[in-house]
Amino acid sequence: MTTEPTSDNKGTAWVIMGVSGCGKSQIGARLGNQLGVEFIEGDAYHSDVNIARMSAGTPLTDDDRHDWLVTLRDLLARREGGAVLSCSSLKRSYRDLLRGAGGDVRFVHLAGERSLLAERVSNRPGHYMPPSLLDSQLATLEPLQPDEAGITLDIRDTPAQLVSQILARA
């Protein structure tokens, strides 16, 4: 049974979001290193069932993602001194759930053209996320809204530039 997170967390939680191939893991790891905080690789917490679905080219539903998102929220709720999480966070409702971790939760949407994303996804041998799911992710994506704490960055920038842009807003 999952308990509700507490709101007495310390430090900022940065959620690096976007569709497959945008660079969430790379940017998240670099940002966590720069900030000296834990990096949480969201993909590591997908269930075997969800990985099998995605591997077979089946898009995940809201129900499929729910327990995964709750797990990630709970990990953020236990953070001390901040954290960086890579998580697609495609919908506002998913981000709302993650904000339930309490404290300062900010989002970095790594956005880019479909052609660049497709190229990147196609060049990841061995990853369970097939290029065929990119269009379903783009269709599901709800960009950050003005009332959400976060920024949108262009993935054409280098990883170093992207991290610098995030740190400038930290």
Protein backbone atom coordinates (compact mmCIF):
# COMPACT_ATOMS: atom_id res chain seq x y z
CA MET A 1 0.00 0.00 0.00
CA THR A 2 1.32 3.44 -0.91
CA THR A 3 1.30 6.16 1.70
CA GLU A 4 0.82 9.78 0.86
CA PRO A 5 4.05 11.77 0.77
CA THR A 6 4.78 14.41 3.32
CA SER A 7 5.28 18.05 2.43
CA ASP A 8 8.35 18.71 4.60
CA ASN A 9 10.87 17.97 1.86
CA LYS A 10 14.00 20.03 1.44
CA GLY A 11 15.60 21.06 -1.82
CA THR A 12 14.35 21.39 -5.35
CA ALA A 13 13.31 18.35 -7.35
CA TRP A 14 13.97 18.79 -11.06
CA VAL A 15 11.95 16.53 -13.36
CA ILE A 16 13.51 16.24 -16.80
CA MET A 17 10.58 15.50 -19.10
CA GLY A 18 9.78 14.90 -22.74
CA VAL A 19 9.19 12.17 -25.27
CA SER A 20 11.56 9.32 -26.00
CA GLY A 21 14.85 10.41 -27.52
CA CYS A 22 14.88 13.95 -26.13
CA GLY A 23 17.82 13.28 -23.80
CA LYS A 24 16.14 13.01 -20.40
CA SER A 25 18.61 10.51 -18.98
CA GLN A 26 21.74 12.24 -20.23
CA ILE A 27 20.65 15.71 -19.13
CA GLY A 28 19.25 14.41 -15.85
CA ALA A 29 22.48 12.62 -14.94
CA ARG A 30 24.58 15.67 -15.85
CA LEU A 31 22.30 18.01 -13.89
CA GLY A 32 22.29 15.77 -10.83
CA ASN A 33 26.08 15.65 -10.96
CA GLN A 34 26.35 19.44 -11.29
CA LEU A 35 23.94 20.00 -8.40
CA GLY A 36 25.45 17.25 -6.27
CA VAL A 37 22.08 15.54 -5.79
CA GLU A 38 20.66 12.11 -6.51
CA PHE A 39 19.69 11.33 -10.10
CA ILE A 40 16.69 9.02 -10.38
CA GLU A 41 16.40 7.21 -13.72
CA GLY A 42 12.63 6.93 -14.09
CA ASP A 43 12.84 4.19 -16.71
CA ALA A 44 14.45 1.90 -14.12
CA TYR A 45 11.15 1.81 -12.23
CA HIS A 46 8.87 0.63 -15.06
CA SER A 47 7.26 -2.73 -14.36
CA ASP A 48 8.25 -5.75 -16.44
CA VAL A 49 4.71 -5.75 -17.85
CA ASN A 50 5.03 -2.14 -19.04
CA ILE A 51 8.46 -2.78 -20.53
CA ALA A 52 7.05 -5.77 -22.41
CA ARG A 53 4.16 -3.64 -23.70
CA MET A 54 6.46 -0.90 -24.93
CA SER A 55 8.91 -3.42 -26.42
CA ALA A 56 6.00 -4.88 -28.39
CA GLY A 57 5.12 -1.40 -29.69
CA THR A 58 2.04 -0.94 -27.50
CA PRO A 59 1.64 2.55 -26.06
CA LEU A 60 1.06 2.73 -22.31
CA THR A 61 -2.29 3.92 -21.02
CA ASP A 62 -2.90 6.23 -18.08
CA ASP A 63 -3.69 3.13 -15.99
CA ASP A 64 -0.44 1.47 -17.09
CA ARG A 65 1.55 4.51 -15.99
CA HIS A 66 -0.24 5.17 -12.68
CA ASP A 67 1.72 2.86 -10.34
CA TRP A 68 4.98 3.89 -12.01
CA LEU A 69 4.22 7.55 -11.43
CA VAL A 70 3.21 6.90 -7.81
CA THR A 71 6.53 5.13 -7.24
CA LEU A 72 8.44 8.08 -8.72
CA ARG A 73 6.41 10.56 -6.66
CA ASP A 74 7.20 8.62 -3.51
CA LEU A 75 10.91 8.57 -4.36
CA LEU A 76 10.81 12.36 -4.76
CA ALA A 77 8.89 12.70 -1.49
CA ARG A 78 11.76 11.05 0.38
CA ARG A 79 14.44 13.26 -1.10
CA GLU A 80 16.70 15.30 1.13
CA GLY A 81 18.54 18.24 -0.37
CA GLY A 82 17.03 17.93 -3.82
CA ALA A 83 16.95 15.38 -6.62
CA VAL A 84 16.78 15.08 -10.39
CA LEU A 85 14.30 12.67 -11.98
CA SER A 86 14.04 11.63 -15.62
CA CYS A 87 10.38 10.96 -16.41
CA SER A 88 8.43 11.56 -19.61
CA SER A 89 5.67 13.39 -17.66
CA LEU A 90 3.72 13.67 -20.90
CA LYS A 91 0.44 14.88 -19.40
CA ARG A 92 -0.46 17.61 -16.96
CA SER A 93 -2.17 15.02 -14.75
CA TYR A 94 1.10 13.06 -14.54
CA ARG A 95 2.98 16.19 -13.53
CA ASP A 96 0.28 17.01 -10.97
CA LEU A 97 0.80 13.58 -9.45
CA LEU A 98 4.58 14.11 -9.27
CA ARG A 99 4.06 17.55 -7.69
CA GLY A 100 2.28 15.65 -4.93
CA ALA A 101 5.76 14.75 -3.64
CA GLY A 102 5.70 18.11 -1.91
CA GLY A 103 8.30 20.83 -1.80
CA ASP A 104 9.68 22.59 -4.83
CA VAL A 105 9.13 20.41 -7.92
CA ARG A 106 10.15 21.97 -11.22
CA PHE A 107 9.97 20.59 -14.75
CA VAL A 108 12.37 20.88 -17.66
CA HIS A 109 10.68 19.96 -20.95
CA LEU A 110 13.27 18.89 -23.50
CA ALA A 111 11.52 19.63 -26.78
CA GLY A 112 12.55 19.08 -30.36
CA GLU A 113 11.45 18.41 -33.90
CA ARG A 114 10.01 15.00 -34.66
CA SER A 115 12.73 14.26 -37.23
CA LEU A 116 15.52 14.82 -34.67
CA LEU A 117 13.70 12.79 -32.04
CA ALA A 118 13.13 9.93 -34.50
CA GLU A 119 16.80 9.94 -35.45
CA ARG A 120 17.85 9.74 -31.82
CA VAL A 121 15.37 6.98 -30.96
CA SER A 122 16.51 4.96 -33.96
CA ASN A 123 20.13 5.21 -32.79
CA ARG A 124 19.54 3.58 -29.39
CA PRO A 125 20.23 -0.12 -29.94
CA GLY A 126 18.93 -2.36 -27.20
CA HIS A 127 16.51 0.17 -25.72
CA TYR A 128 13.02 -1.22 -25.12
CA MET A 129 11.30 1.87 -26.51
CA PRO A 130 10.83 1.33 -30.26
CA PRO A 131 10.74 4.24 -32.73
CA SER A 132 7.16 3.25 -33.59
CA LEU A 133 5.94 4.67 -30.26
CA LEU A 134 7.30 8.17 -30.87
CA ASP A 135 4.15 9.39 -32.64
CA SER A 136 1.89 8.16 -29.84
CA GLN A 137 4.05 9.98 -27.30
CA LEU A 138 3.95 13.19 -29.34
CA ALA A 139 0.16 12.87 -29.60
CA THR A 140 -0.11 12.40 -25.83
CA LEU A 141 2.30 15.22 -24.91
CA GLU A 142 0.74 18.19 -23.14
CA PRO A 143 3.35 20.95 -23.02
CA LEU A 144 4.02 22.81 -19.78
CA GLN A 145 1.38 25.41 -19.02
CA PRO A 146 2.15 28.96 -17.82
CA ASP A 147 1.06 28.10 -14.27
CA GLU A 148 3.49 25.16 -14.03
CA ALA A 149 6.92 25.69 -12.51
CA GLY A 150 9.26 24.83 -15.33
CA ILE A 151 11.00 25.67 -18.56
CA THR A 152 11.06 24.35 -22.11
CA LEU A 153 14.43 23.92 -23.79
CA ASP A 154 15.42 23.10 -27.36
CA ILE A 155 17.26 19.79 -27.73
CA ARG A 156 19.29 21.16 -30.63
CA ASP A 157 21.45 22.79 -27.95
CA THR A 158 24.35 20.72 -26.63
CA PRO A 159 23.96 18.83 -23.35
CA ALA A 160 26.36 21.30 -21.69
CA GLN A 161 24.28 24.23 -22.93
CA LEU A 162 21.05 22.63 -21.73
CA VAL A 163 22.44 22.00 -18.25
CA SER A 164 23.78 25.56 -18.10
CA GLN A 165 20.35 26.91 -19.03
CA ILE A 166 18.74 24.86 -16.23
CA LEU A 167 21.36 25.94 -13.69
CA ALA A 168 20.76 29.58 -14.63
CA ARG A 169 17.18 29.11 -13.39
CA ALA A 170 18.01 27.05 -10.30
